[in-house]
Amino acid sequence: EYINSAAAKGWVNGYPDGTFMPDKYITRAEF
């Protein structure tokens, strides 16, 4: 729910293959 909401607001993006990789550690750039 949080990921979908953040995506709807334009806060997060996924990867070119359509994934989000939710359990991947976030990088400094992504943060």
PDB file of all heavy atoms in Angstrom:
ATOM      1  N   GLU A   1       0.828  -1.216   0.000  1.00  0.00           N
ATOM      2  CA  GLU A   1       0.000   0.000   0.000  1.00  0.00           C
ATOM      3  C   GLU A   1       0.860   1.263   0.000  1.00  0.00           C
ATOM      4  O   GLU A   1       0.549   2.221  -0.692  1.00  0.00           O
ATOM      5  CB  GLU A   1      -0.891   0.042   1.243  1.00  0.00           C
ATOM      6  CG  GLU A   1      -2.206  -0.658   1.116  1.00  0.00           C
ATOM      7  CD  GLU A   1      -3.067  -0.373   2.336  1.00  0.00           C
ATOM      8  OE1 GLU A   1      -2.616  -0.686   3.462  1.00  0.00           O
ATOM      9  OE2 GLU A   1      -4.167   0.163   2.156  1.00  0.00           O
ATOM     10  N   TYR A   2       1.914   1.244   0.798  1.00  0.00           N
ATOM     11  CA  TYR A   2       2.793   2.408   0.884  1.00  0.00           C
ATOM     12  C   TYR A   2       3.525   2.636  -0.433  1.00  0.00           C
ATOM     13  O   TYR A   2       3.661   3.767  -0.891  1.00  0.00           O
ATOM     14  CB  TYR A   2       3.814   2.229   2.014  1.00  0.00           C
ATOM     15  CG  TYR A   2       3.207   2.094   3.381  1.00  0.00           C
ATOM     16  CD1 TYR A   2       3.372   0.932   4.118  1.00  0.00           C
ATOM     17  CD2 TYR A   2       2.479   3.130   3.953  1.00  0.00           C
ATOM     18  CE1 TYR A   2       2.830   0.807   5.389  1.00  0.00           C
ATOM     19  CE2 TYR A   2       1.929   3.014   5.214  1.00  0.00           C
ATOM     20  CZ  TYR A   2       2.112   1.849   5.934  1.00  0.00           C
ATOM     21  OH  TYR A   2       1.567   1.733   7.191  1.00  0.00           O
ATOM     22  N   ILE A   3       4.022   1.571  -1.027  1.00  0.00           N
ATOM     23  CA  ILE A   3       4.751   1.684  -2.291  1.00  0.00           C
ATOM     24  C   ILE A   3       3.822   2.197  -3.386  1.00  0.00           C
ATOM     25  O   ILE A   3       4.182   3.108  -4.143  1.00  0.00           O
ATOM     26  CB  ILE A   3       5.378   0.324  -2.686  1.00  0.00           C
ATOM     27  CG1 ILE A   3       6.445  -0.083  -1.669  1.00  0.00           C
ATOM     28  CG2 ILE A   3       5.962   0.390  -4.098  1.00  0.00           C
ATOM     29  CD1 ILE A   3       6.879  -1.546  -1.765  1.00  0.00           C
ATOM     30  N   ASN A   4       2.621   1.634  -3.471  1.00  0.00           N
ATOM     31  CA  ASN A   4       1.659   2.097  -4.475  1.00  0.00           C
ATOM     32  C   ASN A   4       1.287   3.559  -4.278  1.00  0.00           C
ATOM     33  O   ASN A   4       1.183   4.325  -5.235  1.00  0.00           O
ATOM     34  CB  ASN A   4       0.396   1.226  -4.448  1.00  0.00           C
ATOM     35  CG  ASN A   4       0.570  -0.074  -5.193  1.00  0.00           C
ATOM     36  OD1 ASN A   4       1.301  -0.150  -6.178  1.00  0.00           O
ATOM     37  ND2 ASN A   4      -0.093  -1.109  -4.730  1.00  0.00           N
ATOM     38  N   SER A   5       1.094   3.957  -3.032  1.00  0.00           N
ATOM     39  CA  SER A   5       0.755   5.345  -2.740  1.00  0.00           C
ATOM     40  C   SER A   5       1.900   6.279  -3.127  1.00  0.00           C
ATOM     41  O   SER A   5       1.678   7.327  -3.744  1.00  0.00           O
ATOM     42  CB  SER A   5       0.421   5.503  -1.254  1.00  0.00           C
ATOM     43  OG  SER A   5       0.060   6.829  -0.964  1.00  0.00           O
ATOM     44  N   ALA A   6       3.119   5.890  -2.769  1.00  0.00           N
ATOM     45  CA  ALA A   6       4.284   6.711  -3.107  1.00  0.00           C
ATOM     46  C   ALA A   6       4.459   6.800  -4.623  1.00  0.00           C
ATOM     47  O   ALA A   6       4.827   7.855  -5.156  1.00  0.00           O
ATOM     48  CB  ALA A   6       5.540   6.149  -2.446  1.00  0.00           C
ATOM     49  N   ALA A   7       4.175   5.723  -5.335  1.00  0.00           N
ATOM     50  CA  ALA A   7       4.266   5.733  -6.794  1.00  0.00           C
ATOM     51  C   ALA A   7       3.197   6.645  -7.395  1.00  0.00           C
ATOM     52  O   ALA A   7       3.461   7.409  -8.331  1.00  0.00           O
ATOM     53  CB  ALA A   7       4.133   4.320  -7.347  1.00  0.00           C
ATOM     54  N   ALA A   8       1.978   6.586  -6.852  1.00  0.00           N
ATOM     55  CA  ALA A   8       0.883   7.429  -7.349  1.00  0.00           C
ATOM     56  C   ALA A   8       1.205   8.910  -7.195  1.00  0.00           C
ATOM     57  O   ALA A   8       0.802   9.733  -8.023  1.00  0.00           O
ATOM     58  CB  ALA A   8      -0.415   7.091  -6.612  1.00  0.00           C
ATOM     59  N   LYS A   9       1.962   9.243  -6.163  1.00  0.00           N
ATOM     60  CA  LYS A   9       2.334  10.639  -5.916  1.00  0.00           C
ATOM     61  C   LYS A   9       3.590  11.057  -6.697  1.00  0.00           C
ATOM     62  O   LYS A   9       4.010  12.201  -6.630  1.00  0.00           O
ATOM     63  CB  LYS A   9       2.550  10.847  -4.423  1.00  0.00           C
ATOM     64  CG  LYS A   9       1.273  10.755  -3.607  1.00  0.00           C
ATOM     65  CD  LYS A   9       1.567  10.892  -2.119  1.00  0.00           C
ATOM     66  CE  LYS A   9       0.327  11.016  -1.292  1.00  0.00           C
ATOM     67  NZ  LYS A   9      -0.385   9.787  -1.046  1.00  0.00           N
ATOM     68  N   GLY A  10       4.213  10.104  -7.380  1.00  0.00           N
ATOM     69  CA  GLY A  10       5.434  10.415  -8.124  1.00  0.00           C
ATOM     70  C   GLY A  10       6.680  10.443  -7.272  1.00  0.00           C
ATOM     71  O   GLY A  10       7.709  10.962  -7.680  1.00  0.00           O
ATOM     72  N   TRP A  11       6.609   9.861  -6.081  1.00  0.00           N
ATOM     73  CA  TRP A  11       7.745   9.891  -5.169  1.00  0.00           C
ATOM     74  C   TRP A  11       8.755   8.804  -5.456  1.00  0.00           C
ATOM     75  O   TRP A  11       9.944   8.975  -5.176  1.00  0.00           O
ATOM     76  CB  TRP A  11       7.286   9.748  -3.730  1.00  0.00           C
ATOM     77  CG  TRP A  11       6.445  10.862  -3.218  1.00  0.00           C
ATOM     78  CD1 TRP A  11       6.200  12.078  -3.813  1.00  0.00           C
ATOM     79  CD2 TRP A  11       5.716  10.881  -1.992  1.00  0.00           C
ATOM     80  NE1 TRP A  11       5.378  12.836  -3.027  1.00  0.00           N
ATOM     81  CE2 TRP A  11       5.064  12.127  -1.902  1.00  0.00           C
ATOM     82  CE3 TRP A  11       5.556   9.957  -0.975  1.00  0.00           C
ATOM     83  CZ2 TRP A  11       4.261  12.476  -0.818  1.00  0.00           C
ATOM     84  CZ3 TRP A  11       4.753  10.305   0.109  1.00  0.00           C
ATOM     85  CH2 TRP A  11       4.122  11.560   0.184  1.00  0.00           C
ATOM     86  N   VAL A  12       8.294   7.644  -5.931  1.00  0.00           N
ATOM     87  CA  VAL A  12       9.198   6.526  -6.203  1.00  0.00           C
ATOM     88  C   VAL A  12       9.025   6.047  -7.627  1.00  0.00           C
ATOM     89  O   VAL A  12       7.960   6.204  -8.227  1.00  0.00           O
ATOM     90  CB  VAL A  12       8.975   5.328  -5.231  1.00  0.00           C
ATOM     91  CG1 VAL A  12       9.259   5.724  -3.798  1.00  0.00           C
ATOM     92  CG2 VAL A  12       7.596   4.740  -5.377  1.00  0.00           C
ATOM     93  N   ASN A  13      10.080   5.465  -8.143  1.00  0.00           N
ATOM     94  CA  ASN A  13      10.073   4.858  -9.465  1.00  0.00           C
ATOM     95  C   ASN A  13      10.584   3.434  -9.339  1.00  0.00           C
ATOM     96  O   ASN A  13      11.308   3.107  -8.409  1.00  0.00           O
ATOM     97  CB  ASN A  13      10.991   5.633 -10.421  1.00  0.00           C
ATOM     98  CG  ASN A  13      10.495   7.034 -10.660  1.00  0.00           C
ATOM     99  OD1 ASN A  13       9.370   7.226 -11.103  1.00  0.00           O
ATOM    100  ND2 ASN A  13      11.324   8.014 -10.346  1.00  0.00           N
ATOM    101  N   GLY A  14      10.214   2.642 -10.296  1.00  0.00           N
ATOM    102  CA  GLY A  14      10.716   1.284 -10.345  1.00  0.00           C
ATOM    103  C   GLY A  14      11.866   1.201 -11.329  1.00  0.00           C
ATOM    104  O   GLY A  14      12.433   2.209 -11.751  1.00  0.00           O
ATOM    105  N   TYR A  15      12.170  -0.010 -11.688  1.00  0.00           N
ATOM    106  CA  TYR A  15      13.253  -0.280 -12.618  1.00  0.00           C
ATOM    107  C   TYR A  15      12.668  -0.517 -14.018  1.00  0.00           C
ATOM    108  O   TYR A  15      11.457  -0.755 -14.153  1.00  0.00           O
ATOM    109  CB  TYR A  15      14.051  -1.486 -12.127  1.00  0.00           C
ATOM    110  CG  TYR A  15      14.785  -1.181 -10.838  1.00  0.00           C
ATOM    111  CD1 TYR A  15      14.255  -1.539  -9.604  1.00  0.00           C
ATOM    112  CD2 TYR A  15      15.988  -0.494 -10.862  1.00  0.00           C
ATOM    113  CE1 TYR A  15      14.921  -1.243  -8.427  1.00  0.00           C
ATOM    114  CE2 TYR A  15      16.656  -0.187  -9.694  1.00  0.00           C
ATOM    115  CZ  TYR A  15      16.122  -0.559  -8.480  1.00  0.00           C
ATOM    116  OH  TYR A  15      16.779  -0.244  -7.312  1.00  0.00           O
ATOM    117  N   PRO A  16      13.479  -0.444 -15.047  1.00  0.00           N
ATOM    118  CA  PRO A  16      12.980  -0.610 -16.427  1.00  0.00           C
ATOM    119  C   PRO A  16      12.207  -1.908 -16.664  1.00  0.00           C
ATOM    120  O   PRO A  16      11.334  -1.956 -17.532  1.00  0.00           O
ATOM    121  CB  PRO A  16      14.253  -0.568 -17.276  1.00  0.00           C
ATOM    122  CG  PRO A  16      15.213   0.247 -16.473  1.00  0.00           C
ATOM    123  CD  PRO A  16      14.906  -0.099 -15.024  1.00  0.00           C
ATOM    124  N   ASP A  17      12.474  -2.938 -15.882  1.00  0.00           N
ATOM    125  CA  ASP A  17      11.769  -4.215 -16.071  1.00  0.00           C
ATOM    126  C   ASP A  17      10.409  -4.257 -15.367  1.00  0.00           C
ATOM    127  O   ASP A  17       9.748  -5.295 -15.346  1.00  0.00           O
ATOM    128  CB  ASP A  17      12.634  -5.389 -15.630  1.00  0.00           C
ATOM    129  CG  ASP A  17      12.924  -5.405 -14.131  1.00  0.00           C
ATOM    130  OD1 ASP A  17      12.502  -4.471 -13.409  1.00  0.00           O
ATOM    131  OD2 ASP A  17      13.578  -6.362 -13.686  1.00  0.00           O
ATOM    132  N   GLY A  18       9.982  -3.136 -14.779  1.00  0.00           N
ATOM    133  CA  GLY A  18       8.680  -3.072 -14.131  1.00  0.00           C
ATOM    134  C   GLY A  18       8.670  -3.478 -12.675  1.00  0.00           C
ATOM    135  O   GLY A  18       7.621  -3.508 -12.035  1.00  0.00           O
ATOM    136  N   THR A  19       9.835  -3.777 -12.111  1.00  0.00           N
ATOM    137  CA  THR A  19       9.922  -4.164 -10.706  1.00  0.00           C
ATOM    138  C   THR A  19      10.232  -2.959  -9.824  1.00  0.00           C
ATOM    139  O   THR A  19      10.685  -1.912 -10.309  1.00  0.00           O
ATOM    140  CB  THR A  19      11.011  -5.229 -10.485  1.00  0.00           C
ATOM    141  OG1 THR A  19      12.276  -4.675 -10.842  1.00  0.00           O
ATOM    142  CG2 THR A  19      10.736  -6.480 -11.298  1.00  0.00           C
ATOM    143  N   PHE A  20      10.012  -3.135  -8.531  1.00  0.00           N
ATOM    144  CA  PHE A  20      10.371  -2.118  -7.544  1.00  0.00           C
ATOM    145  C   PHE A  20      11.535  -2.575  -6.678  1.00  0.00           C
ATOM    146  O   PHE A  20      12.277  -1.755  -6.167  1.00  0.00           O
ATOM    147  CB  PHE A  20       9.165  -1.783  -6.652  1.00  0.00           C
ATOM    148  CG  PHE A  20       9.449  -0.683  -5.673  1.00  0.00           C
ATOM    149  CD1 PHE A  20       9.569   0.628  -6.105  1.00  0.00           C
ATOM    150  CD2 PHE A  20       9.599  -0.955  -4.330  1.00  0.00           C
ATOM    151  CE1 PHE A  20       9.851   1.646  -5.197  1.00  0.00           C
ATOM    152  CE2 PHE A  20       9.870   0.054  -3.413  1.00  0.00           C
ATOM    153  CZ  PHE A  20       9.993   1.363  -3.855  1.00  0.00           C
ATOM    154  N   MET A  21      11.681  -3.874  -6.524  1.00  0.00           N
ATOM    155  CA  MET A  21      12.690  -4.476  -5.656  1.00  0.00           C
ATOM    156  C   MET A  21      12.575  -3.911  -4.237  1.00  0.00           C
ATOM    157  O   MET A  21      13.487  -3.264  -3.719  1.00  0.00           O
ATOM    158  CB  MET A  21      14.091  -4.278  -6.224  1.00  0.00           C
ATOM    159  CG  MET A  21      14.292  -4.934  -7.559  1.00  0.00           C
ATOM    160  SD  MET A  21      16.013  -4.820  -8.092  1.00  0.00           S
ATOM    161  CE  MET A  21      15.843  -5.259  -9.812  1.00  0.00           C
ATOM    162  N   PRO A  22      11.435  -4.171  -3.591  1.00  0.00           N
ATOM    163  CA  PRO A  22      11.166  -3.549  -2.288  1.00  0.00           C
ATOM    164  C   PRO A  22      12.146  -3.905  -1.179  1.00  0.00           C
ATOM    165  O   PRO A  22      12.365  -3.091  -0.282  1.00  0.00           O
ATOM    166  CB  PRO A  22       9.762  -4.057  -1.951  1.00  0.00           C
ATOM    167  CG  PRO A  22       9.596  -5.301  -2.744  1.00  0.00           C
ATOM    168  CD  PRO A  22      10.395  -5.086  -3.998  1.00  0.00           C
ATOM    169  N   ASP A  23      12.747  -5.083  -1.232  1.00  0.00           N
ATOM    170  CA  ASP A  23      13.646  -5.490  -0.155  1.00  0.00           C
ATOM    171  C   ASP A  23      15.113  -5.210  -0.448  1.00  0.00           C
ATOM    172  O   ASP A  23      15.985  -5.549   0.348  1.00  0.00           O
ATOM    173  CB  ASP A  23      13.433  -6.977   0.158  1.00  0.00           C
ATOM    174  CG  ASP A  23      12.020  -7.220   0.673  1.00  0.00           C
ATOM    175  OD1 ASP A  23      11.527  -6.410   1.477  1.00  0.00           O
ATOM    176  OD2 ASP A  23      11.404  -8.211   0.250  1.00  0.00           O
ATOM    177  N   LYS A  24      15.375  -4.540  -1.550  1.00  0.00           N
ATOM    178  CA  LYS A  24      16.742  -4.126  -1.888  1.00  0.00           C
ATOM    179  C   LYS A  24      17.085  -2.910  -1.025  1.00  0.00           C
ATOM    180  O   LYS A  24      16.257  -2.026  -0.816  1.00  0.00           O
ATOM    181  CB  LYS A  24      16.803  -3.759  -3.371  1.00  0.00           C
ATOM    182  CG  LYS A  24      18.157  -3.304  -3.833  1.00  0.00           C
ATOM    183  CD  LYS A  24      18.121  -2.931  -5.317  1.00  0.00           C
ATOM    184  CE  LYS A  24      19.469  -2.368  -5.719  1.00  0.00           C
ATOM    185  NZ  LYS A  24      19.394  -1.635  -6.969  1.00  0.00           N
ATOM    186  N   TYR A  25      18.313  -2.894  -0.520  1.00  0.00           N
ATOM    187  CA  TYR A  25      18.731  -1.734   0.251  1.00  0.00           C
ATOM    188  C   TYR A  25      18.753  -0.508  -0.646  1.00  0.00           C
ATOM    189  O   TYR A  25      19.201  -0.556  -1.783  1.00  0.00           O
ATOM    190  CB  TYR A  25      20.115  -1.948   0.875  1.00  0.00           C
ATOM    191  CG  TYR A  25      20.137  -3.026   1.934  1.00  0.00           C
ATOM    192  CD1 TYR A  25      21.152  -3.956   1.972  1.00  0.00           C
ATOM    193  CD2 TYR A  25      19.130  -3.110   2.895  1.00  0.00           C
ATOM    194  CE1 TYR A  25      21.176  -4.953   2.954  1.00  0.00           C
ATOM    195  CE2 TYR A  25      19.142  -4.092   3.862  1.00  0.00           C
ATOM    196  CZ  TYR A  25      20.160  -5.008   3.882  1.00  0.00           C
ATOM    197  OH  TYR A  25      20.168  -5.984   4.840  1.00  0.00           O
ATOM    198  N   ILE A  26      18.253   0.603  -0.108  1.00  0.00           N
ATOM    199  CA  ILE A  26      18.178   1.831  -0.883  1.00  0.00           C
ATOM    200  C   ILE A  26      19.557   2.464  -0.970  1.00  0.00           C
ATOM    201  O   ILE A  26      20.341   2.427  -0.013  1.00  0.00           O
ATOM    202  CB  ILE A  26      17.128   2.796  -0.284  1.00  0.00           C
ATOM    203  CG1 ILE A  26      16.761   3.868  -1.306  1.00  0.00           C
ATOM    204  CG2 ILE A  26      17.592   3.381   1.032  1.00  0.00           C
ATOM    205  CD1 ILE A  26      15.462   4.573  -0.995  1.00  0.00           C
ATOM    206  N   THR A  27      19.865   3.014  -2.117  1.00  0.00           N
ATOM    207  CA  THR A  27      21.149   3.687  -2.307  1.00  0.00           C
ATOM    208  C   THR A  27      21.032   5.146  -1.883  1.00  0.00           C
ATOM    209  O   THR A  27      19.926   5.683  -1.741  1.00  0.00           O
ATOM    210  CB  THR A  27      21.594   3.637  -3.778  1.00  0.00           C
ATOM    211  OG1 THR A  27      20.695   4.437  -4.561  1.00  0.00           O
ATOM    212  CG2 THR A  27      21.654   2.207  -4.303  1.00  0.00           C
ATOM    213  N   ARG A  28      22.154   5.767  -1.714  1.00  0.00           N
ATOM    214  CA  ARG A  28      22.187   7.196  -1.387  1.00  0.00           C
ATOM    215  C   ARG A  28      21.444   7.989  -2.445  1.00  0.00           C
ATOM    216  O   ARG A  28      20.648   8.879  -2.127  1.00  0.00           O
ATOM    217  CB  ARG A  28      23.654   7.643  -1.287  1.00  0.00           C
ATOM    218  CG  ARG A  28      23.859   9.116  -1.069  1.00  0.00           C
ATOM    219  CD  ARG A  28      25.321   9.467  -0.969  1.00  0.00           C
ATOM    220  NE  ARG A  28      25.982   9.291  -2.253  1.00  0.00           N
ATOM    221  CZ  ARG A  28      27.254   9.571  -2.487  1.00  0.00           C
ATOM    222  NH1 ARG A  28      28.021  10.011  -1.511  1.00  0.00           N
ATOM    223  NH2 ARG A  28      27.771   9.397  -3.666  1.00  0.00           N
ATOM    224  N   ALA A  29      21.654   7.676  -3.705  1.00  0.00           N
ATOM    225  CA  ALA A  29      21.005   8.396  -4.801  1.00  0.00           C
ATOM    226  C   ALA A  29      19.493   8.198  -4.786  1.00  0.00           C
ATOM    227  O   ALA A  29      18.721   9.147  -4.995  1.00  0.00           O
ATOM    228  CB  ALA A  29      21.579   7.939  -6.137  1.00  0.00           C
ATOM    229  N   GLU A  30      19.048   6.977  -4.535  1.00  0.00           N
ATOM    230  CA  GLU A  30      17.610   6.706  -4.478  1.00  0.00           C
ATOM    231  C   GLU A  30      16.969   7.416  -3.286  1.00  0.00           C
ATOM    232  O   GLU A  30      15.869   7.966  -3.395  1.00  0.00           O
ATOM    233  CB  GLU A  30      17.356   5.199  -4.390  1.00  0.00           C
ATOM    234  CG  GLU A  30      17.710   4.456  -5.658  1.00  0.00           C
ATOM    235  CD  GLU A  30      17.747   2.950  -5.490  1.00  0.00           C
ATOM    236  OE1 GLU A  30      17.920   2.446  -4.347  1.00  0.00           O
ATOM    237  OE2 GLU A  30      17.613   2.261  -6.519  1.00  0.00           O
ATOM    238  N   PHE A  31      17.659   7.417  -2.161  1.00  0.00           N
ATOM    239  CA  PHE A  31      17.155   8.088  -0.960  1.00  0.00           C
ATOM    240  C   PHE A  31      16.961   9.579  -1.226  1.00  0.00           C
ATOM    241  O   PHE A  31      15.896  10.140  -0.959  1.00  0.00           O
ATOM    242  CB  PHE A  31      18.142   7.883   0.197  1.00  0.00           C
ATOM    243  CG  PHE A  31      17.665   8.447   1.508  1.00  0.00           C
ATOM    244  CD1 PHE A  31      17.027   7.636   2.425  1.00  0.00           C
ATOM    245  CD2 PHE A  31      17.855   9.779   1.825  1.00  0.00           C
ATOM    246  CE1 PHE A  31      16.577   8.145   3.645  1.00  0.00           C
ATOM    247  CE2 PHE A  31      17.418  10.302   3.021  1.00  0.00           C
ATOM    248  CZ  PHE A  31      16.773   9.490   3.948  1.00  0.00           C
TER     249      PHE A  31
END
